[in-house]
Amino acid sequence: MTEVGRVVSVNNGAAVVSMRASGACEKCGLCMASSDGKEVLLLALNEAGAGPGDDVEIEISPGRVLVAAFALYMLPVLLTILGFVVGSYMSRGDESSPLPIIMAVVFLIVSFVAAWLFDLRIRKNTRPEATVKKILDGDGKSPKIEVVRFEA
């Protein structure tokens, strides 16, 4: 996945890049979103040697996006099915038993907790999962993004 943004800061071969949030990256968890959700900050490996204020093209690892999508969408479905199967096994196939439905709901709740914990783990990871591939020459292809400074 390729995105366009502006370098906010550079440190030890990594760049913090500000970019507009797109629909594709909305639920990934790779970026740190602003309070209004319109812009995100992303830590990227600075292969192009960009400096603060440079408009850049960023390549985000497609594997990371697929793992995040799997965790958010497929994990709950698979665990709900597994919960139903476990409940059916525990009730020995009794069709009047509510146990399969109860276990399906319990496994669904567990899957949401697991997805939430996975999201927390991703957000704490400071390893760059994206790469600054090239510096754009200011030909108007990049959106105008205001450089924001965060102070502790």
N, C-alpha and C. Protein backbone atom coordinates (compact mmCIF):
# COMPACT_ATOMS: atom_id res chain seq x y z
N MET A 1 0.85 -1.16 0.00
CA MET A 1 0.00 0.00 0.00
C MET A 1 0.90 1.23 0.00
N THR A 2 0.63 2.18 -0.85
CA THR A 2 1.43 3.39 -0.97
C THR A 2 0.61 4.60 -0.54
N GLU A 3 1.22 5.46 0.26
CA GLU A 3 0.58 6.68 0.75
C GLU A 3 1.52 7.85 0.53
N VAL A 4 0.99 9.07 0.63
CA VAL A 4 1.78 10.29 0.49
C VAL A 4 1.63 11.09 1.78
N GLY A 5 2.75 11.66 2.25
CA GLY A 5 2.70 12.46 3.46
C GLY A 5 3.85 13.44 3.54
N ARG A 6 3.98 14.08 4.69
CA ARG A 6 5.05 15.05 4.91
C ARG A 6 5.83 14.65 6.15
N VAL A 7 7.16 14.69 6.03
CA VAL A 7 8.03 14.32 7.15
C VAL A 7 7.95 15.40 8.22
N VAL A 8 7.68 14.97 9.46
CA VAL A 8 7.60 15.87 10.60
C VAL A 8 8.95 15.95 11.29
N SER A 9 9.58 14.78 11.48
CA SER A 9 10.90 14.75 12.12
C SER A 9 11.66 13.52 11.67
N VAL A 10 12.99 13.57 11.85
CA VAL A 10 13.87 12.47 11.47
C VAL A 10 14.77 12.17 12.66
N ASN A 11 14.97 10.85 12.93
CA ASN A 11 15.83 10.46 14.04
C ASN A 11 16.35 9.05 13.80
N ASN A 12 17.67 8.88 13.79
CA ASN A 12 18.31 7.56 13.67
C ASN A 12 17.79 6.72 12.50
N GLY A 13 17.69 7.29 11.32
CA GLY A 13 17.28 6.54 10.15
C GLY A 13 15.79 6.30 10.03
N ALA A 14 15.00 6.87 10.93
CA ALA A 14 13.55 6.75 10.88
C ALA A 14 12.93 8.13 10.74
N ALA A 15 11.79 8.19 10.10
CA ALA A 15 11.09 9.46 9.91
C ALA A 15 9.67 9.33 10.46
N VAL A 16 9.22 10.38 11.13
CA VAL A 16 7.82 10.47 11.54
C VAL A 16 7.13 11.25 10.43
N VAL A 17 6.12 10.61 9.83
CA VAL A 17 5.44 11.19 8.67
C VAL A 17 3.99 11.48 9.02
N SER A 18 3.54 12.68 8.68
CA SER A 18 2.15 13.08 8.87
C SER A 18 1.45 12.91 7.53
N MET A 19 0.26 12.30 7.58
CA MET A 19 -0.50 12.13 6.34
C MET A 19 -1.99 12.11 6.65
N ARG A 20 -2.78 12.34 5.64
CA ARG A 20 -4.22 12.30 5.79
C ARG A 20 -4.66 10.85 5.95
N ALA A 21 -5.58 10.61 6.87
CA ALA A 21 -6.10 9.26 7.10
C ALA A 21 -6.96 8.85 5.92
N SER A 22 -6.69 7.69 5.37
CA SER A 22 -7.50 7.18 4.27
C SER A 22 -8.42 6.09 4.81
N GLY A 23 -9.41 5.73 4.03
CA GLY A 23 -10.34 4.68 4.45
C GLY A 23 -9.64 3.34 4.62
N ALA A 24 -8.60 3.10 3.84
CA ALA A 24 -7.90 1.81 3.89
C ALA A 24 -7.11 1.64 5.18
N CYS A 25 -6.63 2.74 5.75
CA CYS A 25 -5.79 2.62 6.94
C CYS A 25 -6.55 2.92 8.23
N GLU A 26 -7.85 3.08 8.13
CA GLU A 26 -8.65 3.51 9.27
C GLU A 26 -8.56 2.58 10.47
N LYS A 27 -8.60 1.27 10.27
CA LYS A 27 -8.65 0.32 11.39
C LYS A 27 -7.36 -0.46 11.59
N CYS A 28 -6.33 -0.12 10.85
CA CYS A 28 -5.10 -0.93 10.87
C CYS A 28 -4.35 -0.88 12.19
N GLY A 29 -4.30 0.29 12.81
CA GLY A 29 -3.57 0.40 14.07
C GLY A 29 -2.10 0.71 13.92
N LEU A 30 -1.63 0.80 12.71
CA LEU A 30 -0.22 1.08 12.46
C LEU A 30 0.12 2.53 12.77
N CYS A 31 -0.81 3.42 12.54
CA CYS A 31 -0.57 4.85 12.71
C CYS A 31 -1.15 5.36 14.02
N MET A 32 -0.69 6.52 14.43
CA MET A 32 -1.24 7.20 15.59
C MET A 32 -2.14 8.31 15.05
N ALA A 33 -3.44 8.20 15.28
CA ALA A 33 -4.41 9.14 14.72
C ALA A 33 -4.52 10.40 15.55
N SER A 34 -4.84 11.51 14.87
CA SER A 34 -5.10 12.76 15.58
C SER A 34 -6.47 12.67 16.25
N SER A 35 -6.78 13.63 17.09
CA SER A 35 -8.05 13.59 17.82
C SER A 35 -9.25 13.68 16.90
N ASP A 36 -9.13 14.38 15.79
CA ASP A 36 -10.25 14.47 14.86
C ASP A 36 -10.27 13.33 13.85
N GLY A 37 -9.22 12.51 13.83
CA GLY A 37 -9.18 11.34 12.96
C GLY A 37 -8.89 11.64 11.50
N LYS A 38 -8.56 12.89 11.18
CA LYS A 38 -8.32 13.26 9.78
C LYS A 38 -6.86 13.09 9.36
N GLU A 39 -5.95 13.14 10.33
CA GLU A 39 -4.53 12.98 10.03
C GLU A 39 -3.94 11.92 10.95
N VAL A 40 -2.88 11.27 10.47
CA VAL A 40 -2.21 10.24 11.24
C VAL A 40 -0.71 10.48 11.21
N LEU A 41 -0.02 10.01 12.24
CA LEU A 41 1.43 10.03 12.28
C LEU A 41 1.92 8.61 12.16
N LEU A 42 2.93 8.40 11.34
CA LEU A 42 3.44 7.07 11.07
C LEU A 42 4.96 7.08 11.18
N LEU A 43 5.51 6.07 11.85
CA LEU A 43 6.95 5.91 11.94
C LEU A 43 7.39 5.06 10.75
N ALA A 44 8.31 5.60 9.94
CA ALA A 44 8.74 4.91 8.73
C ALA A 44 10.26 4.89 8.63
N LEU A 45 10.80 3.82 8.08
CA LEU A 45 12.22 3.72 7.79
C LEU A 45 12.54 4.72 6.69
N ASN A 46 13.54 5.56 6.91
CA ASN A 46 13.84 6.66 5.99
C ASN A 46 14.88 6.26 4.95
N GLU A 47 14.50 5.40 4.00
CA GLU A 47 15.43 4.95 2.95
C GLU A 47 15.78 6.07 1.97
N ALA A 48 14.88 7.02 1.78
CA ALA A 48 15.10 8.07 0.79
C ALA A 48 15.94 9.22 1.33
N GLY A 49 16.21 9.24 2.63
CA GLY A 49 16.99 10.32 3.22
C GLY A 49 16.23 11.64 3.30
N ALA A 50 14.94 11.57 3.51
CA ALA A 50 14.10 12.77 3.58
C ALA A 50 14.37 13.54 4.86
N GLY A 51 14.10 14.84 4.81
CA GLY A 51 14.26 15.70 5.97
C GLY A 51 12.92 16.29 6.38
N PRO A 52 12.86 16.94 7.53
CA PRO A 52 11.61 17.56 7.98
C PRO A 52 11.06 18.53 6.94
N GLY A 53 9.76 18.43 6.68
CA GLY A 53 9.10 19.29 5.72
C GLY A 53 9.03 18.71 4.31
N ASP A 54 9.78 17.63 4.02
CA ASP A 54 9.76 17.02 2.69
C ASP A 54 8.46 16.24 2.48
N ASP A 55 7.88 16.39 1.28
CA ASP A 55 6.74 15.57 0.89
C ASP A 55 7.31 14.25 0.37
N VAL A 56 6.77 13.14 0.87
CA VAL A 56 7.34 11.83 0.55
C VAL A 56 6.26 10.83 0.17
N GLU A 57 6.71 9.79 -0.51
CA GLU A 57 5.86 8.64 -0.81
C GLU A 57 6.27 7.52 0.14
N ILE A 58 5.28 6.94 0.82
CA ILE A 58 5.52 5.91 1.83
C ILE A 58 4.93 4.60 1.35
N GLU A 59 5.68 3.53 1.56
CA GLU A 59 5.17 2.20 1.26
C GLU A 59 4.94 1.48 2.58
N ILE A 60 3.71 1.03 2.79
CA ILE A 60 3.35 0.33 4.02
C ILE A 60 3.32 -1.16 3.72
N SER A 61 3.94 -1.94 4.57
CA SER A 61 4.02 -3.38 4.39
C SER A 61 2.64 -4.00 4.24
N PRO A 62 2.35 -4.65 3.12
CA PRO A 62 1.03 -5.25 2.94
C PRO A 62 0.76 -6.38 3.93
N GLY A 63 1.81 -7.04 4.39
CA GLY A 63 1.63 -8.11 5.38
C GLY A 63 1.05 -7.58 6.67
N ARG A 64 1.48 -6.40 7.08
CA ARG A 64 0.98 -5.79 8.31
C ARG A 64 -0.50 -5.47 8.18
N VAL A 65 -0.90 -4.95 7.03
CA VAL A 65 -2.30 -4.63 6.79
C VAL A 65 -3.15 -5.90 6.81
N LEU A 66 -2.65 -6.97 6.20
CA LEU A 66 -3.39 -8.22 6.18
C LEU A 66 -3.54 -8.84 7.56
N VAL A 67 -2.48 -8.78 8.36
CA VAL A 67 -2.54 -9.31 9.72
C VAL A 67 -3.56 -8.53 10.55
N ALA A 68 -3.54 -7.22 10.42
CA ALA A 68 -4.50 -6.39 11.17
C ALA A 68 -5.93 -6.67 10.72
N ALA A 69 -6.14 -6.81 9.43
CA ALA A 69 -7.49 -7.10 8.92
C ALA A 69 -7.96 -8.47 9.40
N PHE A 70 -7.06 -9.45 9.39
CA PHE A 70 -7.43 -10.78 9.87
C PHE A 70 -7.82 -10.74 11.34
N ALA A 71 -7.02 -10.04 12.14
CA ALA A 71 -7.30 -9.97 13.58
C ALA A 71 -8.62 -9.28 13.86
N LEU A 72 -8.94 -8.26 13.10
CA LEU A 72 -10.15 -7.50 13.37
C LEU A 72 -11.42 -8.13 12.81
N TYR A 73 -11.31 -8.85 11.69
CA TYR A 73 -12.51 -9.35 11.03
C TYR A 73 -12.67 -10.87 11.09
N MET A 74 -11.61 -11.61 10.86
CA MET A 74 -11.73 -13.06 10.77
C MET A 74 -11.65 -13.75 12.13
N LEU A 75 -10.85 -13.24 13.04
CA LEU A 75 -10.70 -13.86 14.35
C LEU A 75 -12.05 -13.99 15.08
N PRO A 76 -12.88 -12.94 15.13
CA PRO A 76 -14.19 -13.10 15.78
C PRO A 76 -15.08 -14.15 15.10
N VAL A 77 -15.06 -14.19 13.79
CA VAL A 77 -15.89 -15.17 13.07
C VAL A 77 -15.42 -16.60 13.39
N LEU A 78 -14.12 -16.82 13.28
CA LEU A 78 -13.58 -18.16 13.53
C LEU A 78 -13.78 -18.62 14.97
N LEU A 79 -13.56 -17.72 15.92
CA LEU A 79 -13.74 -18.10 17.32
C LEU A 79 -15.21 -18.32 17.68
N THR A 80 -16.12 -17.59 17.04
CA THR A 80 -17.55 -17.82 17.28
C THR A 80 -17.95 -19.21 16.78
N ILE A 81 -17.47 -19.58 15.61
CA ILE A 81 -17.76 -20.92 15.08
C ILE A 81 -17.15 -21.98 15.99
N LEU A 82 -15.91 -21.77 16.40
CA LEU A 82 -15.25 -22.70 17.31
C LEU A 82 -16.03 -22.83 18.62
N GLY A 83 -16.52 -21.72 19.16
CA GLY A 83 -17.30 -21.75 20.39
C GLY A 83 -18.57 -22.57 20.22
N PHE A 84 -19.22 -22.43 19.08
CA PHE A 84 -20.44 -23.20 18.82
C PHE A 84 -20.12 -24.70 18.75
N VAL A 85 -19.03 -25.03 18.07
CA VAL A 85 -18.63 -26.44 17.96
C VAL A 85 -18.28 -27.02 19.33
N VAL A 86 -17.53 -26.26 20.13
CA VAL A 86 -17.18 -26.72 21.48
C VAL A 86 -18.45 -26.90 22.32
N GLY A 87 -19.38 -25.95 22.23
CA GLY A 87 -20.64 -26.06 22.96
C GLY A 87 -21.46 -27.26 22.53
N SER A 88 -21.48 -27.54 21.24
CA SER A 88 -22.21 -28.71 20.73
C SER A 88 -21.58 -30.00 21.24
N TYR A 89 -20.25 -30.02 21.26
CA TYR A 89 -19.55 -31.20 21.76
C TYR A 89 -19.83 -31.40 23.25
N MET A 90 -19.80 -30.30 24.01
CA MET A 90 -20.04 -30.38 25.46
C MET A 90 -21.47 -30.80 25.78
N SER A 91 -22.43 -30.43 24.93
CA SER A 91 -23.83 -30.80 25.18
C SER A 91 -24.17 -32.15 24.54
N ARG A 92 -23.18 -32.78 23.95
CA ARG A 92 -23.32 -34.09 23.31
C ARG A 92 -24.40 -34.10 22.23
N GLY A 93 -24.51 -32.98 21.51
CA GLY A 93 -25.44 -32.91 20.38
C GLY A 93 -26.89 -32.70 20.75
N ASP A 94 -27.18 -32.40 22.01
CA ASP A 94 -28.56 -32.16 22.45
C ASP A 94 -29.06 -30.86 21.80
N GLU A 95 -30.07 -30.98 20.93
CA GLU A 95 -30.56 -29.82 20.19
C GLU A 95 -31.31 -28.83 21.07
N SER A 96 -31.79 -29.26 22.22
CA SER A 96 -32.54 -28.36 23.10
C SER A 96 -31.61 -27.61 24.07
N SER A 97 -30.35 -27.95 24.08
CA SER A 97 -29.39 -27.33 25.00
C SER A 97 -28.98 -25.94 24.49
N PRO A 98 -28.96 -24.94 25.38
CA PRO A 98 -28.50 -23.60 24.98
C PRO A 98 -26.97 -23.46 25.01
N LEU A 99 -26.29 -24.51 25.41
CA LEU A 99 -24.84 -24.45 25.58
C LEU A 99 -24.07 -24.04 24.31
N PRO A 100 -24.43 -24.55 23.12
CA PRO A 100 -23.69 -24.11 21.93
C PRO A 100 -23.77 -22.60 21.69
N ILE A 101 -24.95 -22.03 21.89
CA ILE A 101 -25.11 -20.58 21.69
C ILE A 101 -24.34 -19.81 22.77
N ILE A 102 -24.43 -20.28 24.00
CA ILE A 102 -23.72 -19.62 25.10
C ILE A 102 -22.22 -19.65 24.85
N MET A 103 -21.70 -20.80 24.44
CA MET A 103 -20.26 -20.91 24.18
C MET A 103 -19.86 -20.05 22.97
N ALA A 104 -20.71 -19.97 21.96
CA ALA A 104 -20.42 -19.12 20.80
C ALA A 104 -20.30 -17.66 21.23
N VAL A 105 -21.21 -17.20 22.10
CA VAL A 105 -21.16 -15.83 22.58
C VAL A 105 -19.91 -15.60 23.44
N VAL A 106 -19.59 -16.57 24.30
CA VAL A 106 -18.39 -16.44 25.14
C VAL A 106 -17.14 -16.36 24.27
N PHE A 107 -17.04 -17.22 23.27
CA PHE A 107 -15.87 -17.19 22.38
C PHE A 107 -15.84 -15.89 21.57
N LEU A 108 -17.00 -15.36 21.20
CA LEU A 108 -17.05 -14.09 20.48
C LEU A 108 -16.50 -12.97 21.36
N ILE A 109 -16.90 -12.95 22.62
CA ILE A 109 -16.40 -11.93 23.55
C ILE A 109 -14.89 -12.09 23.74
N VAL A 110 -14.41 -13.32 23.86
CA VAL A 110 -12.97 -13.57 23.98
C VAL A 110 -12.24 -13.07 22.73
N SER A 111 -12.84 -13.24 21.56
CA SER A 111 -12.19 -12.77 20.33
C SER A 111 -12.08 -11.25 20.31
N PHE A 112 -13.10 -10.55 20.82
CA PHE A 112 -13.03 -9.09 20.87
C PHE A 112 -11.93 -8.64 21.83
N VAL A 113 -11.81 -9.31 22.96
CA VAL A 113 -10.74 -8.99 23.91
C VAL A 113 -9.38 -9.27 23.27
N ALA A 114 -9.26 -10.39 22.57
CA ALA A 114 -7.99 -10.73 21.91
C ALA A 114 -7.64 -9.69 20.83
N ALA A 115 -8.63 -9.26 20.06
CA ALA A 115 -8.37 -8.25 19.03
C ALA A 115 -7.97 -6.92 19.67
N TRP A 116 -8.59 -6.58 20.79
CA TRP A 116 -8.24 -5.35 21.50
C TRP A 116 -6.81 -5.42 22.03
N LEU A 117 -6.43 -6.55 22.62
CA LEU A 117 -5.06 -6.73 23.13
C LEU A 117 -4.05 -6.69 21.99
N PHE A 118 -4.39 -7.29 20.85
CA PHE A 118 -3.53 -7.28 19.68
C PHE A 118 -3.33 -5.83 19.21
N ASP A 119 -4.41 -5.06 19.20
CA ASP A 119 -4.33 -3.66 18.80
C ASP A 119 -3.42 -2.87 19.74
N LEU A 120 -3.54 -3.12 21.04
CA LEU A 120 -2.65 -2.44 22.00
C LEU A 120 -1.20 -2.79 21.75
N ARG A 121 -0.94 -4.05 21.45
CA ARG A 121 0.43 -4.50 21.19
C ARG A 121 1.00 -3.83 19.94
N ILE A 122 0.18 -3.72 18.91
CA ILE A 122 0.63 -3.07 17.67
C ILE A 122 0.95 -1.61 17.93
N ARG A 123 0.11 -0.93 18.68
CA ARG A 123 0.31 0.50 18.92
C ARG A 123 1.55 0.78 19.77
N LYS A 124 1.95 -0.16 20.62
CA LYS A 124 3.15 0.03 21.45
C LYS A 124 4.43 -0.30 20.69
N ASN A 125 4.31 -0.98 19.57
CA ASN A 125 5.47 -1.37 18.79
C ASN A 125 6.04 -0.14 18.08
N THR A 126 7.29 0.17 18.32
CA THR A 126 7.90 1.34 17.70
C THR A 126 8.75 0.97 16.49
N ARG A 127 8.75 -0.29 16.11
CA ARG A 127 9.52 -0.71 14.94
C ARG A 127 8.83 -0.20 13.67
N PRO A 128 9.56 0.47 12.79
CA PRO A 128 8.93 0.97 11.56
C PRO A 128 8.40 -0.17 10.69
N GLU A 129 7.16 -0.08 10.31
CA GLU A 129 6.54 -1.06 9.43
C GLU A 129 6.27 -0.46 8.06
N ALA A 130 6.77 0.74 7.86
CA ALA A 130 6.60 1.43 6.59
C ALA A 130 7.97 1.97 6.17
N THR A 131 8.07 2.33 4.90
CA THR A 131 9.34 2.81 4.37
C THR A 131 9.11 4.06 3.52
N VAL A 132 9.94 5.08 3.74
CA VAL A 132 9.91 6.26 2.87
C VAL A 132 10.66 5.86 1.61
N LYS A 133 9.94 5.76 0.50
CA LYS A 133 10.54 5.28 -0.75
C LYS A 133 11.14 6.40 -1.61
N LYS A 134 10.46 7.55 -1.65
CA LYS A 134 11.04 8.64 -2.45
C LYS A 134 10.52 9.98 -1.96
N ILE A 135 11.31 11.00 -2.26
CA ILE A 135 10.95 12.37 -1.93
C ILE A 135 10.25 12.95 -3.15
N LEU A 136 9.06 13.50 -2.93
CA LEU A 136 8.31 14.10 -4.04
C LEU A 136 8.86 15.49 -4.31
N ASP A 137 8.80 15.91 -5.58
CA ASP A 137 9.42 17.17 -5.97
C ASP A 137 8.49 18.38 -5.88
N GLY A 138 7.41 18.26 -5.15
CA GLY A 138 6.52 19.42 -4.95
C GLY A 138 5.74 19.78 -6.20
N ASP A 139 5.39 18.78 -7.01
CA ASP A 139 4.67 19.05 -8.25
C ASP A 139 3.16 19.10 -8.05
N GLY A 140 2.73 19.20 -6.82
CA GLY A 140 1.30 19.31 -6.56
C GLY A 140 0.60 17.99 -6.33
N LYS A 141 1.34 16.89 -6.43
CA LYS A 141 0.72 15.58 -6.24
C LYS A 141 0.49 15.26 -4.77
N SER A 142 1.22 15.93 -3.89
CA SER A 142 1.07 15.63 -2.47
C SER A 142 0.11 16.63 -1.83
N PRO A 143 -0.69 16.16 -0.88
CA PRO A 143 -1.61 17.07 -0.20
C PRO A 143 -0.84 18.05 0.68
N LYS A 144 -1.41 19.21 0.88
CA LYS A 144 -0.78 20.21 1.74
C LYS A 144 -1.09 19.84 3.18
N ILE A 145 -0.06 19.44 3.90
CA ILE A 145 -0.21 19.02 5.30
C ILE A 145 0.64 19.94 6.14
N GLU A 146 0.05 20.48 7.15
CA GLU A 146 0.78 21.39 8.03
C GLU A 146 1.65 20.56 8.99
N VAL A 147 2.91 20.96 9.11
CA VAL A 147 3.82 20.26 10.02
C VAL A 147 3.44 20.63 11.45
N VAL A 148 3.23 19.61 12.27
CA VAL A 148 2.82 19.82 13.66
C VAL A 148 3.95 19.37 14.56
N ARG A 149 4.27 20.15 15.57
CA ARG A 149 5.31 19.79 16.54
C ARG A 149 4.62 19.39 17.84
N PHE A 150 4.99 18.23 18.36
CA PHE A 150 4.47 17.74 19.63
C PHE A 150 5.55 17.95 20.67
N GLU A 151 5.19 18.55 21.79
CA GLU A 151 6.13 18.77 22.87
C GLU A 151 5.66 18.05 24.10
N ALA A 152 6.61 17.47 24.82
CA ALA A 152 6.26 16.71 26.02
C ALA A 152 6.11 17.60 27.22
